[in-house]
C-alpha cells in the first residue's frame, strides 16, 4: 500500500503545481476544487461537485476512486499538510 500512497501523493502534488500555474486556463477553478474534494470529500462529492459538468467515463471514475482510496489511506497529518499546501497555492493564483 505504501508505494500506492507515495505515487498518488506525488501525482497530486504535481497536479497542484502544474494546474495552478499561470495559463492553466478555465481549469484554474475546477482543478483546485477537484483536489480539495479528493483530499476532504467523498467519491460521491467528486461526481456531484467539481466534475458534475463533465462527461466522465467509467475508467476515469475507477481511477478517481482508486486515487481517493490512496489519499484516504494517508495519515491524517499528511492529508492536513496537503490541504494546507493546496490552500497556499490557491491563495497565490
C-alpha atoms as a PDB file:
ATOM      1  CA  UNK A   1       0.000   0.000   0.000  1.00  0.00           C
ATOM      2  CA  UNK A   2       2.865   2.408   0.705  1.00  0.00           C
ATOM      3  CA  UNK A   3       4.016   2.577  -2.957  1.00  0.00           C
ATOM      4  CA  UNK A   4       0.452   3.416  -3.992  1.00  0.00           C
ATOM      5  CA  UNK A   5       0.260   6.210  -1.454  1.00  0.00           C
ATOM      6  CA  UNK A   6       3.616   7.636  -2.465  1.00  0.00           C
ATOM      7  CA  UNK A   7       2.780   7.570  -6.186  1.00  0.00           C
ATOM      8  CA  UNK A   8      -0.637   9.129  -5.694  1.00  0.00           C
ATOM      9  CA  UNK A   9       0.719  11.825  -3.397  1.00  0.00           C
ATOM     10  CA  UNK A  10       3.370  12.691  -5.958  1.00  0.00           C
ATOM     11  CA  UNK A  11       0.741  12.848  -8.701  1.00  0.00           C
ATOM     12  CA  UNK A  12      -1.420  15.088  -6.532  1.00  0.00           C
ATOM     13  CA  UNK A  13       1.437  17.477  -5.802  1.00  0.00           C
ATOM     14  CA  UNK A  14       2.486  17.659  -9.455  1.00  0.00           C
ATOM     15  CA  UNK A  15      -1.110  18.341 -10.453  1.00  0.00           C
ATOM     16  CA  UNK A  16      -1.379  21.161  -7.915  1.00  0.00           C
ATOM     17  CA  UNK A  17       1.756  22.824  -9.229  1.00  0.00           C
ATOM     18  CA  UNK A  18       1.057  22.376 -12.941  1.00  0.00           C
ATOM     19  CA  UNK A  19      -2.629  23.197 -12.909  1.00  0.00           C
ATOM     20  CA  UNK A  20      -2.261  26.200 -10.664  1.00  0.00           C
ATOM     21  CA  UNK A  21       0.408  27.827 -12.779  1.00  0.00           C
ATOM     22  CA  UNK A  22      -0.367  30.898 -14.901  1.00  0.00           C
ATOM     23  CA  UNK A  23      -2.005  29.985 -18.175  1.00  0.00           C
ATOM     24  CA  UNK A  24      -3.820  26.977 -16.779  1.00  0.00           C
ATOM     25  CA  UNK A  25      -6.972  28.338 -18.391  1.00  0.00           C
ATOM     26  CA  UNK A  26     -10.502  27.526 -17.366  1.00  0.00           C
ATOM     27  CA  UNK A  27      -9.276  24.592 -15.297  1.00  0.00           C
ATOM     28  CA  UNK A  28      -7.931  27.006 -12.687  1.00  0.00           C
ATOM     29  CA  UNK A  29     -11.161  26.829 -10.709  1.00  0.00           C
ATOM     30  CA  UNK A  30     -12.011  23.208 -11.399  1.00  0.00           C
ATOM     31  CA  UNK A  31      -8.655  21.630 -10.637  1.00  0.00           C
ATOM     32  CA  UNK A  32      -8.189  23.148  -7.169  1.00  0.00           C
ATOM     33  CA  UNK A  33     -11.795  22.263  -6.369  1.00  0.00           C
ATOM     34  CA  UNK A  34     -11.197  18.704  -7.572  1.00  0.00           C
ATOM     35  CA  UNK A  35      -8.047  18.433  -5.468  1.00  0.00           C
ATOM     36  CA  UNK A  36      -9.828  19.854  -2.416  1.00  0.00           C
ATOM     37  CA  UNK A  37     -12.603  17.297  -2.850  1.00  0.00           C
ATOM     38  CA  UNK A  38     -10.077  14.483  -3.306  1.00  0.00           C
ATOM     39  CA  UNK A  39      -8.442  15.496  -0.039  1.00  0.00           C
ATOM     40  CA  UNK A  40     -11.505  16.204   2.077  1.00  0.00           C
ATOM     41  CA  UNK A  41     -14.606  14.958   0.285  1.00  0.00           C
ATOM     42  CA  UNK A  42     -16.208  11.668  -0.642  1.00  0.00           C
ATOM     43  CA  UNK A  43     -16.193   9.866  -4.003  1.00  0.00           C
ATOM     44  CA  UNK A  44     -19.824  10.910  -4.419  1.00  0.00           C
ATOM     45  CA  UNK A  45     -18.895  14.548  -3.860  1.00  0.00           C
ATOM     46  CA  UNK A  46     -16.318  14.262  -6.650  1.00  0.00           C
ATOM     47  CA  UNK A  47     -19.030  13.281  -9.099  1.00  0.00           C
ATOM     48  CA  UNK A  48     -21.629  15.777  -7.914  1.00  0.00           C
ATOM     49  CA  UNK A  49     -19.209  18.648  -7.323  1.00  0.00           C
ATOM     50  CA  UNK A  50     -16.265  19.720  -9.448  1.00  0.00           C
ATOM     51  CA  UNK A  51     -16.761  17.038 -12.101  1.00  0.00           C
ATOM     52  CA  UNK A  52     -20.523  17.344 -12.469  1.00  0.00           C
ATOM     53  CA  UNK A  53     -20.315  19.422 -15.636  1.00  0.00           C
ATOM     54  CA  UNK A  54     -18.115  16.877 -17.417  1.00  0.00           C
ATOM     55  CA  UNK A  55     -18.913  13.540 -19.016  1.00  0.00           C
ATOM     56  CA  UNK A  56     -16.644  11.142 -17.131  1.00  0.00           C
ATOM     57  CA  UNK A  57     -16.158   7.627 -18.481  1.00  0.00           C
ATOM     58  CA  UNK A  58     -16.064   4.543 -16.270  1.00  0.00           C
ATOM     59  CA  UNK A  59     -12.271   4.112 -16.498  1.00  0.00           C
ATOM     60  CA  UNK A  60     -11.771   7.657 -15.245  1.00  0.00           C
ATOM     61  CA  UNK A  61     -14.319   7.147 -12.465  1.00  0.00           C
ATOM     62  CA  UNK A  62     -12.450   3.997 -11.405  1.00  0.00           C
ATOM     63  CA  UNK A  63      -9.119   5.843 -11.482  1.00  0.00           C
ATOM     64  CA  UNK A  64     -10.522   8.668  -9.344  1.00  0.00           C
ATOM     65  CA  UNK A  65     -11.961   6.164  -6.892  1.00  0.00           C
ATOM     66  CA  UNK A  66      -8.565   4.418  -6.623  1.00  0.00           C
ATOM     67  CA  UNK A  67      -6.838   7.776  -6.133  1.00  0.00           C
ATOM     68  CA  UNK A  68      -9.349   8.706  -3.426  1.00  0.00           C
ATOM     69  CA  UNK A  69      -8.737   5.380  -1.664  1.00  0.00           C
ATOM     70  CA  UNK A  70      -4.985   6.036  -1.648  1.00  0.00           C
ATOM     71  CA  UNK A  71      -5.469   9.555  -0.305  1.00  0.00           C
ATOM     72  CA  UNK A  72      -7.846   8.270   2.367  1.00  0.00           C
ATOM     73  CA  UNK A  73      -5.159   5.780   3.440  1.00  0.00           C
ATOM     74  CA  UNK A  74      -2.676   8.588   4.133  1.00  0.00           C
ATOM     75  CA  UNK A  75      -2.064   9.536   7.748  1.00  0.00           C
ATOM     76  CA  UNK A  76      -4.347  12.399   8.777  1.00  0.00           C
ATOM     77  CA  UNK A  77      -1.411  14.783   9.275  1.00  0.00           C
ATOM     78  CA  UNK A  78      -0.315  14.189   5.668  1.00  0.00           C
ATOM     79  CA  UNK A  79      -3.776  14.997   4.339  1.00  0.00           C
ATOM     80  CA  UNK A  80      -3.816  18.108   6.506  1.00  0.00           C
ATOM     81  CA  UNK A  81      -0.397  19.149   5.160  1.00  0.00           C
ATOM     82  CA  UNK A  82      -1.533  18.632   1.552  1.00  0.00           C
ATOM     83  CA  UNK A  83      -4.708  20.600   2.226  1.00  0.00           C
ATOM     84  CA  UNK A  84      -2.636  23.444   3.640  1.00  0.00           C
ATOM     85  CA  UNK A  85      -0.397  23.344   0.568  1.00  0.00           C
ATOM     86  CA  UNK A  86      -3.417  23.499  -1.711  1.00  0.00           C
ATOM     87  CA  UNK A  87      -4.817  26.485   0.177  1.00  0.00           C
ATOM     88  CA  UNK A  88      -1.451  28.227  -0.120  1.00  0.00           C
ATOM     89  CA  UNK A  89      -1.305  27.607  -3.860  1.00  0.00           C
ATOM     90  CA  UNK A  90      -4.916  28.765  -4.319  1.00  0.00           C
ATOM     91  CA  UNK A  91      -4.169  31.995  -2.452  1.00  0.00           C
ATOM     92  CA  UNK A  92      -1.358  32.794  -4.872  1.00  0.00           C
ATOM     93  CA  UNK A  93      -3.416  32.184  -8.018  1.00  0.00           C
END
